[in-house]
Amino acid sequence: MAYQSSVITKFVEECEIIDDVPPMILSKLLKGVTVIKLFQTVYGNMVVTHEVEVQRLQYDSRKVGLGDLFVAIRGSDVDGHNYIHEAVNNGAKVIVVQDDVAMHDSFFMHTGVVKVVVPNSRIALAQIASNYYGNPSSKLRMIGVTGTNGKTTTTHLVKSIVEASGEHAGLIGTIEYKIGDEVILATHTTPESLELNELLARMVEHGCSSAVMEVSSHALHQHRVHGIHFNNAVFTNLTQDHLDYHGSMEEYFKAKKTLFDSLDSSAWAIVNTDDEWGKQIYDSVGCNKIAFGMNASAEVRAQNVACSLSGLQFTILHACEETPIQSPLVGRFNVSNILGAFSVGIAMGIPKSTLHKALQNAKTVQGRFEPIVSPQGWTAIVDYAHSPDALQKVLMAVRELITINKAGRIITTFGCGGNRDKAKRPIMGRIAEELSDIVVVTSDNPRYEHPETIINEVMKGMKAHGNVHREGDRRTAIYKALGFAHKGDVILIAGKGHEEYQVIGDRKIHFSDREVVEEFIQSHVGNHSFGT
């Protein structure tokens, strides 16, 4: 088995793939690609050259067909160079490698396959994919949003703004990919470059003028967006997450910053300068830029913020003008997301009256501070918060709503993902205990770790344990948290948000926090005796 992103499997299942791309000459596919070595040979009476026709592109050897080009990618767990032989047996006509000695020239001489050696296979794949699909990003206004938290909400808001201006926009993000009326469930925030360019090509085919996409730090580090010209880039914030991958906050920031380093002078950098890392980006860019935030020096800032369970009301100040905002989004942290989206609209030259209307009519995002009100008078909130900063901001937003409504307690249930950043576990435990009245620590996606081991590490950050409970089974934990609830209480169920699965070992089983809450409510209809 070669390196494979699970995105490609899901992508094939969910949508009609562009399969009418005509064969392309290898020399055209390699345009803009740095080639160290191009090994051509004689096979029988035929000279195999860089003018060979390529049918399709693949980076999974199992999917290779007759006449395809296979790019051997060195992944974190699997190295595609180990599956060159399989790719050739399946019909590959061209092999792109970054390790020249992974398969000696004699092998290619005997098989009649062209060998292309490049400095970095991922960069090569991105450029080749762009060439194969006709450089689709050059035909779209590309709007990229990066940051630890807020990417999904911001991209949805920007899409609403673009469409309110009369244009069609595609969406690529954590929850889904949208092309016109077609919705494709996503498995990765930013797809591999091959699938990404195919999505962009489909957007062009469907008449989209803009593509709004989340750009993850993994995607930036792995060059998935290499070769894409971004017209607008948004930075939301940077807080602790993914340190299991990046190693340090400095390396994490470095990955995020590459999006802004790639902007040309005509592009716009839209940066949250409430964030210290954001200030560094804002000061470093040489293109057009807008600072947004709550601070007095921000060009786009908010004042008179009012929060309630029905949404947000505040005023945006920009260029000595005030724009009233009434949004269905709940939680003070969403003010920053709205400011970022509003700033994109300013950069695009969209009238503020249109921005006002778009933000007022924007829909809430699934699994992002999503309230479920029970007949018993308590409210459950399902949220994707899975980092210390996100959990803290969500809990502070809940506390603000409870104070405003003179309501009850905060009951929190959450877990931390297995085989991911372990350093954040005790930090999240401390935050949950400090900002909640009752905590039920449970599992998230344990993957290959034992849930109880993860829970132990979370609880190392807790002190009293008096109102802290532990339950390894997430469904049981949610039931326990809801069982504590009285009228006026808010139960935060954090970590999974929109996800409708749980990863346990190598199994991906159906699981939805929202469904569990709804099941609990249905099973307790007419029963008002629970709560403690």
Protein backbone atom coordinates (compact mmCIF):
# COMPACT_ATOMS: atom_id res chain seq x y z
CA MET A 1 0.00 0.00 0.00
CA ALA A 2 1.39 3.40 -0.93
CA TYR A 3 0.98 6.73 0.77
CA GLN A 4 -2.67 7.62 0.64
CA SER A 5 -4.73 10.47 1.99
CA SER A 6 -8.16 9.31 3.13
CA VAL A 7 -9.49 12.38 1.34
CA ILE A 8 -9.08 10.74 -2.04
CA THR A 9 -11.25 7.76 -1.10
CA LYS A 10 -13.99 9.96 0.34
CA PHE A 11 -13.73 12.33 -2.61
CA VAL A 12 -14.24 9.50 -5.07
CA GLU A 13 -17.23 8.23 -3.10
CA GLU A 14 -18.94 11.59 -2.67
CA CYS A 15 -18.74 13.24 -6.08
CA GLU A 16 -18.41 12.70 -9.78
CA ILE A 17 -14.74 12.90 -10.60
CA ILE A 18 -13.59 14.90 -13.62
CA ASP A 19 -12.72 11.94 -15.83
CA ASP A 20 -12.79 13.67 -19.19
CA VAL A 21 -9.43 15.40 -18.83
CA PRO A 22 -7.62 14.49 -22.07
CA PRO A 23 -4.20 12.83 -21.96
CA MET A 24 -1.43 15.37 -21.45
CA ILE A 25 2.13 15.37 -22.71
CA LEU A 26 4.61 14.90 -19.88
CA SER A 27 6.60 18.01 -20.83
CA LYS A 28 3.46 20.13 -20.29
CA LEU A 29 2.77 18.48 -16.96
CA LEU A 30 6.31 19.29 -15.84
CA LYS A 31 6.02 23.00 -16.66
CA GLY A 32 7.23 24.93 -13.61
CA VAL A 33 8.52 21.77 -11.90
CA THR A 34 12.16 21.69 -10.82
CA VAL A 35 13.57 18.49 -12.35
CA ILE A 36 16.92 17.17 -11.15
CA LYS A 37 16.99 14.25 -13.56
CA LEU A 38 14.80 12.92 -16.36
CA PHE A 39 15.73 9.33 -17.19
CA GLN A 40 14.57 8.32 -20.65
CA THR A 41 15.24 4.98 -22.24
CA VAL A 42 14.66 2.79 -25.26
CA TYR A 43 11.99 0.13 -24.84
CA GLY A 44 11.96 -2.31 -27.73
CA ASN A 45 11.86 -0.20 -30.88
CA MET A 46 10.24 2.76 -29.07
CA VAL A 47 12.08 5.68 -27.53
CA VAL A 48 10.44 6.65 -24.25
CA THR A 49 10.80 10.42 -23.86
CA HIS A 50 9.32 13.32 -21.96
CA GLU A 51 6.79 13.62 -24.82
CA VAL A 52 5.00 10.54 -23.52
CA GLU A 53 1.25 10.94 -22.99
CA VAL A 54 -0.06 10.69 -19.43
CA GLN A 55 -3.62 9.55 -18.76
CA ARG A 56 -4.14 10.42 -15.08
CA LEU A 57 -2.23 11.42 -11.96
CA GLN A 58 -1.95 9.22 -8.87
CA TYR A 59 -0.08 9.18 -5.58
CA ASP A 60 -1.67 5.93 -4.36
CA SER A 61 -0.09 2.96 -6.15
CA ARG A 62 -3.28 0.90 -5.76
CA LYS A 63 -5.19 3.36 -7.94
CA VAL A 64 -2.67 3.47 -10.78
CA GLY A 65 -3.98 2.45 -14.20
CA LEU A 66 -2.50 2.06 -17.67
CA GLY A 67 -0.69 5.19 -18.78
CA ASP A 68 -0.81 7.00 -15.44
CA LEU A 69 1.81 9.15 -13.75
CA PHE A 70 2.63 8.07 -10.20
CA VAL A 71 4.17 10.48 -7.69
CA ALA A 72 6.00 8.73 -4.85
CA ILE A 73 5.37 10.75 -1.69
CA ARG A 74 7.26 10.23 1.54
CA GLY A 75 4.54 10.36 4.21
CA SER A 76 4.82 10.33 7.98
CA ASP A 77 3.90 6.65 8.21
CA VAL A 78 4.31 5.23 4.70
CA ASP A 79 6.83 6.00 1.96
CA GLY A 80 5.45 5.87 -1.57
CA HIS A 81 8.92 5.11 -2.89
CA ASN A 82 8.46 1.59 -1.52
CA TYR A 83 5.57 1.02 -3.92
CA ILE A 84 7.11 2.07 -7.22
CA HIS A 85 7.20 -1.56 -8.38
CA GLU A 86 3.47 -1.94 -7.67
CA ALA A 87 2.69 1.28 -9.56
CA VAL A 88 4.64 0.08 -12.59
CA ASN A 89 2.93 -3.32 -12.48
CA ASN A 90 -0.42 -1.52 -12.47
CA GLY A 91 0.47 0.37 -15.65
CA ALA A 92 2.29 3.56 -14.65
CA LYS A 93 4.09 5.17 -17.58
CA VAL A 94 5.88 7.86 -15.54
CA ILE A 95 7.25 7.74 -11.99
CA VAL A 96 8.11 10.94 -10.10
CA VAL A 97 10.49 10.46 -7.16
CA GLN A 98 12.57 12.56 -4.80
CA ASP A 99 14.82 9.63 -3.91
CA ASP A 100 16.85 8.75 -6.99
CA VAL A 101 18.17 5.51 -5.52
CA ALA A 102 14.77 4.21 -4.38
CA MET A 103 14.62 2.33 -7.67
CA HIS A 104 17.71 2.13 -9.89
CA ASP A 105 17.75 3.29 -13.49
CA SER A 106 18.12 -0.29 -14.69
CA PHE A 107 14.59 -1.04 -13.48
CA PHE A 108 13.20 1.78 -15.59
CA MET A 109 15.32 0.73 -18.54
CA HIS A 110 13.81 -2.75 -18.50
CA THR A 111 10.23 -1.60 -17.96
CA GLY A 112 10.19 1.32 -20.40
CA VAL A 113 8.97 3.76 -17.77
CA VAL A 114 10.12 7.39 -17.53
CA LYS A 115 11.78 8.33 -14.25
CA VAL A 116 11.57 11.94 -13.09
CA VAL A 117 13.68 12.96 -10.08
CA VAL A 118 12.65 16.11 -8.21
CA PRO A 119 13.85 17.81 -5.00
CA ASN A 120 10.46 17.44 -3.29
CA SER A 121 7.71 15.10 -4.45
CA ARG A 122 4.93 17.02 -2.71
CA ILE A 123 5.88 20.30 -4.39
CA ALA A 124 6.11 18.49 -7.71
CA LEU A 125 2.69 16.87 -7.22
CA ALA A 126 1.11 20.25 -6.49
CA GLN A 127 2.53 21.85 -9.64
CA ILE A 128 1.79 18.83 -11.83
CA ALA A 129 -1.79 18.67 -10.52
CA SER A 130 -2.26 22.37 -11.25
CA ASN A 131 -0.96 21.89 -14.80
CA TYR A 132 -3.13 18.81 -15.33
CA TYR A 133 -6.33 20.63 -14.37
CA GLY A 134 -5.51 23.78 -16.32
CA ASN A 135 -4.23 25.92 -13.42
CA PRO A 136 -7.73 26.40 -11.97
CA SER A 137 -6.65 28.65 -9.10
CA SER A 138 -5.60 31.30 -11.63
CA LYS A 139 -9.23 31.45 -12.81
CA LEU A 140 -10.64 32.05 -9.33
CA ARG A 141 -10.32 34.66 -6.63
CA MET A 142 -8.59 32.57 -3.99
CA ILE A 143 -9.41 33.43 -0.37
CA GLY A 144 -7.48 31.43 2.22
CA VAL A 145 -8.17 31.42 5.96
CA THR A 146 -5.62 30.04 8.42
CA GLY A 147 -5.27 30.01 12.20
CA THR A 148 -5.84 27.66 15.12
CA ASN A 149 -9.47 28.55 15.75
CA GLY A 150 -12.21 30.25 13.77
CA LYS A 151 -11.30 29.03 10.27
CA THR A 152 -14.56 27.21 9.61
CA THR A 153 -16.87 29.97 10.80
CA THR A 154 -14.85 32.65 9.00
CA THR A 155 -14.87 30.79 5.67
CA HIS A 156 -18.64 30.28 5.87
CA LEU A 157 -19.12 33.98 6.60
CA VAL A 158 -16.85 34.99 3.71
CA LYS A 159 -18.75 32.70 1.35
CA SER A 160 -22.00 34.37 2.43
CA ILE A 161 -20.48 37.79 1.78
CA VAL A 162 -19.19 36.87 -1.69
CA GLU A 163 -22.56 35.42 -2.67
CA ALA A 164 -24.42 38.44 -1.29
CA SER A 165 -22.38 40.54 -3.73
CA GLY A 166 -23.85 38.56 -6.61
CA GLU A 167 -21.01 36.12 -7.28
CA HIS A 168 -20.76 32.34 -6.94
CA ALA A 169 -18.25 30.96 -4.46
CA GLY A 170 -17.00 27.47 -3.72
CA LEU A 171 -16.01 26.34 -0.22
CA ILE A 172 -13.29 23.99 1.03
CA GLY A 173 -13.09 23.32 4.76
CA THR A 174 -13.18 21.06 7.77
CA ILE A 175 -16.86 20.14 7.55
CA GLU A 176 -17.53 20.00 3.82
CA TYR A 177 -16.63 21.06 0.31
CA LYS A 178 -19.32 23.05 -1.52
CA ILE A 179 -19.52 23.51 -5.28
CA GLY A 180 -22.78 25.16 -6.28
CA ASP A 181 -25.55 23.09 -4.74
CA GLU A 182 -23.30 20.05 -4.36
CA VAL A 183 -22.03 19.26 -0.88
CA ILE A 184 -19.18 16.79 -0.37
CA LEU A 185 -18.34 15.63 3.15
CA ALA A 186 -14.76 16.48 4.05
CA THR A 187 -12.29 14.28 5.89
CA HIS A 188 -9.41 16.78 5.97
CA THR A 189 -9.45 20.54 6.40
CA THR A 190 -7.30 21.04 3.30
CA PRO A 191 -7.17 18.18 0.76
CA GLU A 192 -4.00 16.86 -0.84
CA SER A 193 -2.93 19.00 -3.81
CA LEU A 194 -4.30 16.56 -6.41
CA GLU A 195 -7.81 16.58 -4.94
CA LEU A 196 -7.56 20.29 -4.19
CA ASN A 197 -6.86 21.21 -7.81
CA GLU A 198 -9.63 18.91 -8.97
CA LEU A 199 -12.06 20.65 -6.61
CA LEU A 200 -10.95 24.04 -7.92
CA ALA A 201 -11.38 22.86 -11.52
CA ARG A 202 -14.91 21.72 -10.70
CA MET A 203 -15.63 25.15 -9.21
CA VAL A 204 -14.49 26.79 -12.45
CA GLU A 205 -16.72 24.40 -14.43
CA HIS A 206 -19.70 25.33 -12.24
CA GLY A 207 -19.24 29.05 -12.77
CA CYS A 208 -17.67 30.00 -9.44
CA SER A 209 -15.65 33.20 -9.45
CA SER A 210 -14.20 32.70 -5.96
CA ALA A 211 -12.96 29.84 -3.82
CA VAL A 212 -12.98 30.26 -0.05
CA MET A 213 -10.86 27.70 1.75
CA GLU A 214 -9.45 26.79 5.11
CA VAL A 215 -5.69 26.37 4.95
CA SER A 216 -4.32 24.14 7.70
CA SER A 217 -0.79 24.23 9.06
CA HIS A 218 -0.34 20.63 7.92
CA ALA A 219 -1.31 21.62 4.37
CA LEU A 220 1.13 24.51 4.38
CA HIS A 221 3.97 22.42 5.79
CA GLN A 222 3.24 19.64 3.28
CA HIS A 223 3.04 22.04 0.31
CA ARG A 224 -0.54 21.07 -0.57
CA VAL A 225 -1.30 24.66 -1.64
CA HIS A 226 1.99 25.16 -3.50
CA GLY A 227 1.43 27.06 -6.73
CA ILE A 228 -1.92 28.51 -5.69
CA HIS A 229 -2.08 32.29 -5.98
CA PHE A 230 -4.06 33.63 -3.04
CA ASN A 231 -5.72 37.01 -3.55
CA ASN A 232 -6.75 37.27 0.10
CA ALA A 233 -5.28 35.54 3.14
CA VAL A 234 -6.86 35.75 6.60
CA PHE A 235 -5.10 35.02 9.90
CA THR A 236 -7.52 34.31 12.77
CA ASN A 237 -5.22 33.47 15.72
CA LEU A 238 -2.52 31.09 16.88
CA THR A 239 -2.74 29.10 20.11
CA GLN A 240 -1.41 25.75 21.28
CA ASP A 241 -2.39 22.83 19.05
CA HIS A 242 -0.73 20.29 16.73
CA LEU A 243 2.56 20.44 18.64
CA ASP A 244 2.83 16.68 18.22
CA TYR A 245 3.37 17.46 14.53
CA HIS A 246 5.18 20.81 14.53
CA GLY A 247 7.21 20.34 17.72
CA SER A 248 7.01 23.93 18.97
CA MET A 249 4.87 27.05 18.73
CA GLU A 250 7.63 28.70 16.71
CA GLU A 251 7.53 25.95 14.07
CA TYR A 252 3.72 25.98 14.13
CA PHE A 253 3.78 29.75 13.50
CA LYS A 254 6.39 29.34 10.78
CA ALA A 255 4.06 26.98 8.91
CA LYS A 256 1.13 29.39 9.18
CA LYS A 257 3.25 32.35 8.10
CA THR A 258 4.22 30.70 4.80
CA LEU A 259 0.73 31.50 3.50
CA PHE A 260 1.48 35.21 3.93
CA ASP A 261 5.08 34.96 2.74
CA SER A 262 3.74 33.70 -0.60
CA LEU A 263 1.44 36.69 -1.21
CA ASP A 264 2.38 39.03 -4.05
CA SER A 265 2.16 42.81 -3.83
CA SER A 266 -1.41 42.96 -5.20
CA ALA A 267 -2.82 40.55 -2.61
CA TRP A 268 -4.45 41.41 0.72
CA ALA A 269 -3.34 40.14 4.13
CA ILE A 270 -6.19 40.35 6.64
CA VAL A 271 -4.82 39.85 10.12
CA ASN A 272 -6.18 39.65 13.67
CA THR A 273 -3.82 41.99 15.52
CA ASP A 274 -5.37 41.17 18.90
CA ASP A 275 -3.14 38.10 18.53
CA GLU A 276 0.58 38.53 19.25
CA TRP A 277 1.52 36.16 16.43
CA GLY A 278 -0.83 38.09 14.17
CA LYS A 279 1.05 41.31 14.89
CA GLN A 280 4.24 39.66 13.63
CA ILE A 281 2.53 38.65 10.39
CA TYR A 282 0.99 42.09 9.93
CA ASP A 283 4.36 43.80 10.37
CA SER A 284 6.15 41.40 8.02
CA VAL A 285 3.94 41.44 4.91
CA GLY A 286 4.73 43.70 1.97
CA CYS A 287 1.32 43.57 0.32
CA ASN A 288 -1.97 45.35 0.99
CA LYS A 289 -3.13 44.66 4.53
CA ILE A 290 -5.97 45.19 6.98
CA ALA A 291 -5.70 44.80 10.76
CA PHE A 292 -8.86 43.72 12.55
CA GLY A 293 -9.60 43.20 16.23
CA MET A 294 -10.83 44.81 19.40
CA ASN A 295 -7.68 46.88 19.90
CA ALA A 296 -7.81 50.63 19.23
CA SER A 297 -5.20 50.52 16.46
CA ALA A 298 -7.11 47.99 14.34
CA GLU A 299 -8.51 49.39 11.10
CA VAL A 300 -11.62 47.25 11.45
CA ARG A 301 -12.79 46.97 15.05
CA ALA A 302 -15.88 46.32 17.13
CA GLN A 303 -17.58 48.27 19.88
CA ASN A 304 -20.71 47.99 22.03
CA VAL A 305 -20.81 44.19 21.88
CA ALA A 306 -23.94 42.56 23.30
CA CYS A 307 -24.21 38.76 23.59
CA SER A 308 -27.24 36.53 24.05
CA LEU A 309 -28.39 33.03 23.15
CA SER A 310 -30.12 34.55 20.12
CA GLY A 311 -26.90 36.02 18.74
CA LEU A 312 -24.59 39.03 18.70
CA GLN A 313 -25.20 42.74 18.33
CA PHE A 314 -22.37 45.25 17.93
CA THR A 315 -21.01 48.03 15.76
CA ILE A 316 -18.08 47.75 13.36
CA LEU A 317 -15.90 50.83 12.97
CA HIS A 318 -13.95 51.33 9.75
CA ALA A 319 -12.74 54.48 8.02
CA CYS A 320 -14.77 56.72 10.35
CA GLU A 321 -17.96 54.83 9.45
CA GLU A 322 -20.16 52.68 11.66
CA THR A 323 -21.85 49.50 10.44
CA PRO A 324 -24.41 47.94 12.79
CA ILE A 325 -24.15 44.16 13.01
CA GLN A 326 -26.84 41.76 14.13
CA SER A 327 -25.70 38.17 13.76
CA PRO A 328 -27.25 34.82 14.69
CA LEU A 329 -23.81 33.60 15.78
CA VAL A 330 -23.56 33.08 19.53
CA GLY A 331 -20.50 33.78 21.70
CA ARG A 332 -18.19 36.78 22.06
CA PHE A 333 -15.36 34.90 20.33
CA ASN A 334 -17.39 35.07 17.10
CA VAL A 335 -16.97 38.85 17.01
CA SER A 336 -13.41 38.26 15.78
CA ASN A 337 -14.61 35.85 13.08
CA ILE A 338 -17.16 38.40 11.88
CA LEU A 339 -14.54 41.17 11.84
CA GLY A 340 -12.23 38.99 9.73
CA ALA A 341 -14.97 38.22 7.20
CA PHE A 342 -16.05 41.88 7.11
CA SER A 343 -12.42 42.85 6.38
CA VAL A 344 -12.33 40.46 3.42
CA GLY A 345 -15.38 42.26 2.07
CA ILE A 346 -13.62 45.61 2.50
CA ALA A 347 -10.58 44.28 0.61
CA MET A 348 -12.86 43.10 -2.19
CA GLY A 349 -14.56 46.48 -2.42
CA ILE A 350 -18.00 45.17 -1.46
CA PRO A 351 -20.35 47.92 -0.17
CA LYS A 352 -20.83 47.95 3.59
CA SER A 353 -24.59 47.77 3.14
CA THR A 354 -24.08 44.41 1.41
CA LEU A 355 -21.73 43.25 4.18
CA HIS A 356 -24.32 44.22 6.79
CA LYS A 357 -27.04 42.23 5.02
CA ALA A 358 -24.83 39.20 4.40
CA LEU A 359 -23.70 38.94 8.02
CA GLN A 360 -27.23 39.40 9.30
CA ASN A 361 -28.50 36.57 7.09
CA ALA A 362 -25.53 34.24 7.59
CA LYS A 363 -26.44 30.83 8.95
CA THR A 364 -24.87 29.29 12.02
CA VAL A 365 -22.29 26.58 11.35
CA GLN A 366 -22.94 22.97 12.33
CA GLY A 367 -21.10 21.95 15.49
CA ARG A 368 -19.86 25.46 16.22
CA PHE A 369 -21.47 26.66 19.48
CA GLU A 370 -24.62 24.86 18.37
CA PRO A 371 -27.39 25.10 21.01
CA ILE A 372 -29.97 22.39 21.71
CA VAL A 373 -32.70 23.58 24.07
CA SER A 374 -34.46 20.90 26.11
CA PRO A 375 -38.11 20.90 27.23
CA GLN A 376 -36.77 20.75 30.80
CA GLY A 377 -35.24 24.22 30.44
CA TRP A 378 -31.55 23.43 30.16
CA THR A 379 -29.46 24.05 27.05
CA ALA A 380 -26.79 21.78 25.58
CA ILE A 381 -24.13 23.37 23.39
CA VAL A 382 -22.22 21.19 20.93
CA ASP A 383 -18.88 22.70 19.95
CA TYR A 384 -15.71 21.66 18.14
CA ALA A 385 -13.39 23.22 20.76
CA HIS A 386 -10.43 20.84 21.01
CA SER A 387 -7.57 23.15 21.96
CA PRO A 388 -6.93 24.97 25.25
CA ASP A 389 -7.68 28.41 23.82
CA ALA A 390 -10.84 27.27 22.07
CA LEU A 391 -12.15 25.53 25.19
CA GLN A 392 -11.40 28.60 27.31
CA LYS A 393 -13.12 30.99 24.90
CA VAL A 394 -16.20 28.79 24.59
CA LEU A 395 -16.52 28.39 28.36
CA MET A 396 -16.08 32.12 28.89
CA ALA A 397 -18.82 32.73 26.33
CA VAL A 398 -21.10 30.29 28.17
CA ARG A 399 -20.35 32.00 31.49
CA GLU A 400 -21.21 35.38 29.98
CA LEU A 401 -24.54 34.06 28.69
CA ILE A 402 -25.39 32.50 32.05
CA THR A 403 -24.58 35.75 33.85
CA ILE A 404 -26.70 37.78 31.44
CA ASN A 405 -29.63 35.40 31.72
CA LYS A 406 -29.17 34.95 35.49
CA ALA A 407 -29.29 31.24 34.81
CA GLY A 408 -27.67 28.20 36.39
CA ARG A 409 -24.49 26.17 36.22
CA ILE A 410 -21.98 25.18 33.55
CA ILE A 411 -21.59 21.44 33.09
CA THR A 412 -18.79 20.45 30.73
CA THR A 413 -17.97 17.13 29.13
CA PHE A 414 -14.96 16.78 26.87
CA GLY A 415 -12.00 14.60 26.00
CA CYS A 416 -8.71 14.87 24.13
CA GLY A 417 -7.77 13.06 20.94
CA GLY A 418 -5.46 10.08 21.09
CA ASN A 419 -2.07 10.08 19.35
CA ARG A 420 -2.13 13.86 19.22
CA ASP A 421 -0.56 16.74 21.18
CA LYS A 422 -0.32 15.36 24.74
CA ALA A 423 0.95 18.60 26.27
CA LYS A 424 -2.44 20.27 25.94
CA ARG A 425 -4.31 17.61 27.94
CA PRO A 426 -3.62 18.82 31.52
CA ILE A 427 -4.02 22.42 30.35
CA MET A 428 -7.50 21.67 29.04
CA GLY A 429 -8.29 19.83 32.27
CA ARG A 430 -7.33 22.89 34.31
CA ILE A 431 -9.38 25.22 32.11
CA ALA A 432 -12.46 22.99 32.25
CA GLU A 433 -12.30 22.72 36.04
CA GLU A 434 -11.72 26.44 36.59
CA LEU A 435 -14.52 27.59 34.30
CA SER A 436 -17.14 24.89 34.96
CA ASP A 437 -19.28 23.91 37.93
CA ILE A 438 -19.27 20.21 37.00
CA VAL A 439 -16.91 18.40 34.61
CA VAL A 440 -17.23 14.94 33.08
CA VAL A 441 -13.94 13.94 31.44
CA THR A 442 -14.37 11.37 28.68
CA SER A 443 -12.90 10.13 25.40
CA ASP A 444 -12.76 11.99 22.10
CA ASN A 445 -11.17 10.06 19.25
CA PRO A 446 -8.87 7.79 21.30
CA ARG A 447 -7.36 6.21 18.19
CA TYR A 448 -4.63 3.83 19.38
CA GLU A 449 -4.42 5.11 22.96
CA HIS A 450 -6.44 3.75 25.87
CA PRO A 451 -9.16 6.26 26.83
CA GLU A 452 -8.35 5.91 30.53
CA THR A 453 -4.72 6.86 29.88
CA ILE A 454 -5.84 10.04 28.12
CA ILE A 455 -8.29 10.84 30.92
CA ASN A 456 -5.52 10.40 33.52
CA GLU A 457 -3.38 12.95 31.68
CA VAL A 458 -6.28 15.41 31.42
CA MET A 459 -6.96 15.09 35.15
CA LYS A 460 -3.34 15.87 36.04
CA GLY A 461 -4.25 19.49 35.39
CA MET A 462 -7.15 19.42 37.85
CA LYS A 463 -6.91 20.18 41.56
CA ALA A 464 -10.00 19.45 43.65
CA HIS A 465 -11.72 16.66 41.70
CA GLY A 466 -14.79 17.27 43.86
CA ASN A 467 -17.06 18.13 40.95
CA VAL A 468 -15.01 16.22 38.39
CA HIS A 469 -16.22 12.89 37.07
CA ARG A 470 -14.64 10.47 34.63
CA GLU A 471 -16.31 8.16 32.12
CA GLY A 472 -14.41 6.54 29.27
CA ASP A 473 -17.47 5.88 27.13
CA ARG A 474 -18.45 9.16 25.45
CA ARG A 475 -22.15 8.33 25.09
CA THR A 476 -22.40 7.41 28.77
CA ALA A 477 -20.46 10.54 29.71
CA ILE A 478 -22.85 12.78 27.79
CA TYR A 479 -25.82 11.08 29.43
CA LYS A 480 -24.17 11.59 32.83
CA ALA A 481 -23.55 15.30 32.16
CA LEU A 482 -27.11 15.83 30.94
CA GLY A 483 -28.41 13.89 33.92
CA PHE A 484 -26.87 16.48 36.24
CA ALA A 485 -28.74 19.33 34.54
CA HIS A 486 -31.39 21.55 36.12
CA LYS A 487 -33.46 24.25 34.49
CA GLY A 488 -31.20 27.14 33.45
CA ASP A 489 -28.02 25.05 33.29
CA VAL A 490 -25.82 24.98 30.18
CA ILE A 491 -24.10 21.73 29.25
CA LEU A 492 -21.09 22.17 26.99
CA ILE A 493 -20.18 19.08 24.97
CA ALA A 494 -16.81 19.93 23.48
CA GLY A 495 -14.29 18.44 21.11
CA LYS A 496 -16.13 16.83 18.23
CA GLY A 497 -18.66 19.40 17.05
CA HIS A 498 -19.84 18.49 13.55
CA GLU A 499 -18.11 15.10 13.49
CA GLU A 500 -20.38 12.11 13.07
CA TYR A 501 -17.83 9.45 13.88
CA GLN A 502 -15.46 8.31 16.58
CA VAL A 503 -12.06 6.81 15.83
CA ILE A 504 -11.23 3.88 18.10
CA GLY A 505 -8.16 1.92 17.06
CA ASP A 506 -8.43 1.33 13.34
CA ARG A 507 -12.24 1.56 13.43
CA LYS A 508 -14.27 4.61 12.49
CA ILE A 509 -17.70 4.16 14.03
CA HIS A 510 -20.76 6.37 13.73
CA PHE A 511 -21.08 8.80 16.61
CA SER A 512 -22.74 12.20 16.86
CA ASP A 513 -22.81 14.36 19.99
CA ARG A 514 -25.95 16.07 18.71
CA GLU A 515 -27.72 12.75 18.17
CA VAL A 516 -26.83 11.59 21.69
CA VAL A 517 -28.29 14.78 23.17
CA GLU A 518 -31.47 14.40 21.13
CA GLU A 519 -31.75 10.74 22.18
CA PHE A 520 -31.43 11.77 25.82
CA ILE A 521 -34.13 14.41 25.45
CA GLN A 522 -36.48 11.95 23.76
CA SER A 523 -35.90 9.33 26.43
CA HIS A 524 -36.71 11.84 29.18
CA VAL A 525 -39.79 13.47 27.65
CA GLY A 526 -42.25 14.00 30.47
CA ASN A 527 -39.63 13.12 33.08
CA HIS A 528 -38.57 16.17 35.09
CA SER A 529 -37.02 14.30 38.01
CA PHE A 530 -33.41 14.10 36.83
CA GLY A 531 -30.67 16.49 37.91
CA THR A 532 -28.43 16.69 40.94
